[in-house]
């Protein structure tokens, strides 16, 4: 980019805080011999940095997490004097999982295909505030095609979301972490045909983890398809919502890794009252 006449500088995680601060100063100054047109960053500035003057963000590689996509987008959304808009350039054709784009923009992490299609087709026109989203026809067709092909209940999706969150937190995530950090809907761990519970998932991805559940705790945590098939759709929606909020935030922490349980009988009573 420098050879093409642009004044740019590259930053990585290996650069000191002093070098990063100096680079930001050069980027935000209007004129001067050492001012910059662009900063090229690798694995930094996704979050925790505030540069309101930024008026263009270019994604040069695909983002594999909806929440990181939103964080990167947010680098350019701060208001600043003289700044009327921000230009976001994202090469959507680079995405293997570009169905994550409507997930990120809608905030719906249920990965329900019908909801994603509806958002791309209609709901994007009803965002709160002054925000609008426009997909050009080619991008829209590409997203539809990837939504159709996406395996939204695939174990690989859960593994990817887990890896992103674990890397961010620096520890094994608890169920509440997925909810609080906007990653995949925690209920999907219980809804997956080959899992039935989050401990079962951890057995696959963390074989060195030696945690045990009592029979009662395991029974409380398991949310299998076979059992849920006997519950009406309305009851299941209620149960899923309660499970992903109340149950994970219950009063008893059963495991060091963060499994929160409530009394099984209380859950059954909630379902029976509907």
Protein backbone atom coordinates (compact mmCIF):
# COMPACT_ATOMS: atom_id res chain seq x y z
CA UNK A 1 0.00 0.00 0.00
CA UNK A 2 2.91 2.34 0.68
CA UNK A 3 4.26 1.66 -2.81
CA UNK A 4 0.90 2.77 -4.21
CA UNK A 5 1.20 6.15 -2.55
CA UNK A 6 -0.72 5.53 0.67
CA UNK A 7 0.82 6.24 4.05
CA UNK A 8 0.28 3.12 6.12
CA UNK A 9 1.70 1.30 9.12
CA UNK A 10 1.28 -2.32 10.29
CA UNK A 11 0.70 -3.26 13.93
CA UNK A 12 0.58 -6.71 15.55
CA UNK A 13 0.23 -8.06 19.04
CA UNK A 14 4.02 -7.97 19.35
CA UNK A 15 4.11 -4.15 19.21
CA UNK A 16 4.45 -2.22 22.46
CA UNK A 17 1.71 0.00 23.86
CA UNK A 18 3.87 3.04 23.15
CA UNK A 19 4.17 2.12 19.46
CA UNK A 20 0.41 1.54 19.24
CA UNK A 21 -0.37 4.90 20.86
CA UNK A 22 2.00 6.69 18.50
CA UNK A 23 0.39 4.97 15.51
CA UNK A 24 -3.09 6.09 16.66
CA UNK A 25 -1.83 9.67 17.05
CA UNK A 26 -0.49 9.66 13.50
CA UNK A 27 -3.72 8.17 12.15
CA UNK A 28 -5.98 10.74 13.80
CA UNK A 29 -4.05 13.87 12.95
CA UNK A 30 -5.45 15.74 9.96
CA UNK A 31 -2.19 16.98 8.48
CA UNK A 32 1.51 16.64 9.06
CA UNK A 33 4.47 14.90 7.56
CA UNK A 34 4.02 11.73 9.62
CA UNK A 35 0.22 11.41 9.36
CA UNK A 36 -1.22 8.05 8.27
CA UNK A 37 -3.98 7.07 5.84
CA UNK A 38 -4.44 3.53 7.19
CA UNK A 39 -3.41 1.28 10.06
CA UNK A 40 -3.12 -2.41 9.21
CA UNK A 41 -3.73 -4.43 12.37
CA UNK A 42 -3.41 -8.16 13.04
CA UNK A 43 -5.29 -9.67 16.00
CA UNK A 44 -5.46 -6.35 17.88
CA UNK A 45 -7.91 -3.42 18.07
CA UNK A 46 -10.93 -5.74 17.84
CA UNK A 47 -12.08 -4.30 21.16
CA UNK A 48 -10.82 -2.12 23.97
CA UNK A 49 -9.64 0.72 21.73
CA UNK A 50 -11.47 3.98 21.06
CA UNK A 51 -10.60 5.98 17.94
CA UNK A 52 -13.71 8.09 17.13
CA UNK A 53 -12.04 9.72 14.10
CA UNK A 54 -11.91 6.41 12.16
CA UNK A 55 -14.14 6.81 9.08
CA UNK A 56 -13.27 3.66 7.13
CA UNK A 57 -12.85 0.02 8.17
CA UNK A 58 -11.71 -2.68 5.73
CA UNK A 59 -11.98 -6.38 6.59
CA UNK A 60 -9.17 -8.09 4.72
CA UNK A 61 -9.83 -11.57 6.07
CA UNK A 62 -13.05 -13.35 7.07
CA UNK A 63 -14.21 -13.16 10.67
CA UNK A 64 -15.30 -16.54 12.07
CA UNK A 65 -17.25 -15.13 15.02
CA UNK A 66 -20.41 -13.02 14.90
CA UNK A 67 -19.51 -11.13 18.07
CA UNK A 68 -15.99 -10.29 16.81
CA UNK A 69 -17.54 -9.11 13.53
CA UNK A 70 -19.71 -6.65 15.48
CA UNK A 71 -16.75 -5.51 17.58
CA UNK A 72 -14.67 -4.85 14.47
CA UNK A 73 -17.59 -3.03 12.88
CA UNK A 74 -17.90 -0.89 15.98
CA UNK A 75 -14.36 0.47 15.53
CA UNK A 76 -15.82 2.97 13.06
CA UNK A 77 -19.20 3.76 14.59
CA UNK A 78 -18.16 6.38 17.15
CA UNK A 79 -19.20 9.98 16.46
CA UNK A 80 -16.58 12.68 15.96
CA UNK A 81 -16.61 16.35 14.81
CA UNK A 82 -16.80 16.54 11.02
CA UNK A 83 -17.55 12.83 10.67
CA UNK A 84 -20.82 12.20 8.84
CA UNK A 85 -20.56 8.48 8.10
CA UNK A 86 -18.26 5.47 8.14
CA UNK A 87 -17.41 3.28 5.15
CA UNK A 88 -17.18 -0.46 5.84
CA UNK A 89 -15.60 -2.59 3.10
CA UNK A 90 -15.99 -6.31 3.68
CA UNK A 91 -15.12 -8.88 1.05
CA UNK A 92 -18.10 -11.13 1.60
CA UNK A 93 -16.91 -13.65 -0.99
CA UNK A 94 -14.05 -14.58 1.33
CA UNK A 95 -16.44 -15.98 3.91
CA UNK A 96 -16.83 -19.70 4.27
CA UNK A 97 -19.48 -18.96 6.91
CA UNK A 98 -20.91 -15.71 5.63
CA UNK A 99 -24.30 -16.62 7.12
CA UNK A 100 -22.64 -15.22 10.27
CA UNK A 101 -23.13 -11.72 8.86
CA UNK A 102 -26.93 -11.65 9.39
CA UNK A 103 -26.35 -13.35 12.76
CA UNK A 104 -24.02 -10.51 13.76
CA UNK A 105 -26.17 -7.68 12.41
CA UNK A 106 -29.46 -8.99 13.79
CA UNK A 107 -28.12 -10.07 17.18
CA UNK A 108 -30.07 -13.34 16.85
CA UNK A 109 -27.71 -16.12 17.92
CA UNK A 110 -30.32 -18.87 17.67
CA UNK A 111 -28.98 -19.66 14.16
CA UNK A 112 -32.54 -20.30 13.00
CA UNK A 113 -32.41 -20.34 9.20
CA UNK A 114 -35.91 -18.92 8.67
CA UNK A 115 -35.13 -15.98 10.96
CA UNK A 116 -31.83 -15.31 9.16
CA UNK A 117 -33.53 -15.33 5.75
CA UNK A 118 -36.26 -13.01 7.03
CA UNK A 119 -33.69 -10.59 8.42
CA UNK A 120 -31.82 -10.40 5.10
CA UNK A 121 -35.06 -10.00 3.14
CA UNK A 122 -37.11 -7.69 5.38
CA UNK A 123 -36.10 -7.19 9.00
CA UNK A 124 -32.89 -5.33 8.17
CA UNK A 125 -35.14 -2.40 7.23
CA UNK A 126 -36.46 -2.13 10.78
CA UNK A 127 -33.31 -1.66 12.83
CA UNK A 128 -33.62 0.72 15.79
CA UNK A 129 -32.39 4.30 15.52
CA UNK A 130 -31.04 5.76 12.31
CA UNK A 131 -29.23 2.60 11.20
CA UNK A 132 -29.92 1.01 7.83
CA UNK A 133 -28.44 -2.03 6.10
CA UNK A 134 -28.37 -2.62 2.37
CA UNK A 135 -27.08 -5.83 0.79
CA UNK A 136 -26.29 -5.58 -2.89
CA UNK A 137 -28.04 -8.29 -4.98
CA UNK A 138 -24.92 -10.44 -5.42
CA UNK A 139 -24.10 -10.36 -1.70
CA UNK A 140 -27.71 -11.12 -0.83
CA UNK A 141 -27.82 -14.16 -3.12
CA UNK A 142 -24.50 -15.36 -1.67
CA UNK A 143 -25.81 -15.07 1.88
CA UNK A 144 -29.04 -16.92 1.00
CA UNK A 145 -27.02 -19.73 -0.58
CA UNK A 146 -24.77 -20.06 2.46
CA UNK A 147 -27.76 -19.98 4.84
CA UNK A 148 -29.31 -22.85 2.89
CA UNK A 149 -26.07 -24.84 3.01
CA UNK A 150 -25.18 -23.99 6.60
CA UNK A 151 -25.22 -26.80 9.14
CA UNK A 152 -26.41 -24.66 12.03
CA UNK A 153 -26.70 -27.63 14.38
CA UNK A 154 -23.29 -28.93 13.42
CA UNK A 155 -20.79 -29.77 16.15
CA UNK A 156 -18.19 -27.74 14.24
CA UNK A 157 -20.22 -24.56 14.86
CA UNK A 158 -20.26 -25.24 18.60
CA UNK A 159 -16.53 -26.03 18.56
CA UNK A 160 -15.78 -22.78 16.72
CA UNK A 161 -17.86 -20.65 19.09
CA UNK A 162 -16.28 -22.42 22.07
CA UNK A 163 -12.73 -21.86 20.75
CA UNK A 164 -13.35 -18.15 20.14
CA UNK A 165 -14.78 -17.63 23.63
CA UNK A 166 -12.11 -19.70 25.35
CA UNK A 167 -9.39 -17.69 23.61
CA UNK A 168 -11.08 -14.44 24.62
CA UNK A 169 -11.59 -15.41 28.27
CA UNK A 170 -8.36 -17.34 28.74
CA UNK A 171 -10.24 -20.20 30.43
CA UNK A 172 -12.90 -22.83 29.83
CA UNK A 173 -16.18 -20.94 29.33
CA UNK A 174 -19.22 -21.61 31.46
CA UNK A 175 -22.69 -21.75 29.95
CA UNK A 176 -23.42 -18.25 31.19
CA UNK A 177 -20.36 -16.97 29.32
CA UNK A 178 -21.91 -17.94 25.98
CA UNK A 179 -25.03 -15.96 26.84
CA UNK A 180 -23.27 -12.95 28.33
CA UNK A 181 -20.70 -12.60 25.54
CA UNK A 182 -23.17 -13.02 22.67
CA UNK A 183 -21.81 -16.29 21.31
CA UNK A 184 -23.90 -19.25 20.16
CA UNK A 185 -27.17 -19.83 22.04
CA UNK A 186 -26.25 -22.09 25.02
CA UNK A 187 -29.39 -24.20 24.48
CA UNK A 188 -27.76 -25.57 21.31
CA UNK A 189 -25.41 -27.68 23.44
CA UNK A 190 -28.44 -29.43 24.91
CA UNK A 191 -30.34 -29.54 21.62
CA UNK A 192 -27.55 -31.29 19.71
CA UNK A 193 -28.47 -34.90 18.94
CA UNK A 194 -25.09 -36.38 19.89
CA UNK A 195 -24.58 -34.31 23.04
CA UNK A 196 -27.57 -33.58 25.27
CA UNK A 197 -25.53 -31.53 27.74
CA UNK A 198 -22.59 -29.16 28.02
CA UNK A 199 -20.49 -31.68 30.02
CA UNK A 200 -20.88 -34.11 27.10
CA UNK A 201 -19.54 -31.43 24.79
CA UNK A 202 -16.58 -30.76 27.10
CA UNK A 203 -15.73 -34.44 27.07
CA UNK A 204 -15.20 -34.13 23.32
CA UNK A 205 -13.17 -30.90 23.27
CA UNK A 206 -11.40 -31.07 26.65
CA UNK A 207 -10.47 -34.75 27.19
CA UNK A 208 -8.04 -33.81 29.95
CA UNK A 209 -10.84 -32.19 31.98
CA UNK A 210 -11.67 -34.45 34.92
CA UNK A 211 -15.04 -33.34 36.23
CA UNK A 212 -17.87 -35.57 37.41
CA UNK A 213 -21.57 -34.95 37.85
CA UNK A 214 -23.88 -36.60 40.33
CA UNK A 215 -26.73 -38.56 38.78
CA UNK A 216 -29.20 -35.89 39.89
CA UNK A 217 -27.10 -33.06 38.45
CA UNK A 218 -26.65 -34.88 35.14
CA UNK A 219 -30.38 -35.51 34.94
CA UNK A 220 -31.04 -31.81 35.48
CA UNK A 221 -28.56 -30.72 32.85
CA UNK A 222 -29.51 -33.15 30.08
CA UNK A 223 -31.99 -31.63 27.63
CA UNK A 224 -32.41 -34.37 25.04
CA UNK A 225 -34.48 -34.35 21.89
CA UNK A 226 -36.34 -37.47 23.04
CA UNK A 227 -37.59 -35.79 26.19
CA UNK A 228 -38.35 -32.45 24.55
CA UNK A 229 -40.41 -34.20 21.88
CA UNK A 230 -43.09 -34.82 24.51
CA UNK A 231 -43.36 -31.11 25.28
CA UNK A 232 -45.46 -28.82 23.12
CA UNK A 233 -43.71 -26.19 21.03
CA UNK A 234 -44.94 -23.43 23.32
CA UNK A 235 -43.69 -25.21 26.41
CA UNK A 236 -40.35 -25.96 24.80
CA UNK A 237 -39.82 -22.30 23.92
CA UNK A 238 -40.62 -21.37 27.51
CA UNK A 239 -38.29 -24.07 28.86
CA UNK A 240 -35.46 -23.07 26.54
CA UNK A 241 -35.73 -19.42 27.54
CA UNK A 242 -35.86 -20.26 31.24
CA UNK A 243 -33.02 -22.74 30.93
CA UNK A 244 -30.68 -20.35 29.16
CA UNK A 245 -31.36 -17.59 31.66
CA UNK A 246 -32.63 -18.79 35.05
CA UNK A 247 -31.09 -22.25 35.26
CA UNK A 248 -27.58 -21.11 34.35
CA UNK A 249 -27.87 -18.32 36.92
CA UNK A 250 -29.22 -20.57 39.67
CA UNK A 251 -28.15 -20.42 43.28
CA UNK A 252 -25.88 -23.47 43.31
CA UNK A 253 -22.62 -23.72 41.37
CA UNK A 254 -22.22 -27.46 40.83
CA UNK A 255 -18.80 -27.48 39.17
CA UNK A 256 -15.72 -25.25 39.17
CA UNK A 257 -16.16 -24.82 35.43
CA UNK A 258 -19.40 -22.97 36.03
CA UNK A 259 -22.42 -25.28 35.73
CA UNK A 260 -25.27 -23.65 37.58
CA UNK A 261 -28.22 -25.78 38.63
CA UNK A 262 -31.66 -25.20 40.06
CA UNK A 263 -33.91 -27.75 41.69
CA UNK A 264 -35.16 -30.25 39.07
CA UNK A 265 -38.60 -30.27 40.64
CA UNK A 266 -38.86 -26.51 40.26
CA UNK A 267 -38.16 -26.79 36.53
CA UNK A 268 -40.84 -29.46 36.18
CA UNK A 269 -43.31 -27.27 38.08
CA UNK A 270 -42.61 -24.34 35.72
CA UNK A 271 -43.39 -26.54 32.71
CA UNK A 272 -46.50 -28.08 34.26
CA UNK A 273 -47.99 -24.64 35.04
CA UNK A 274 -47.93 -23.49 31.39
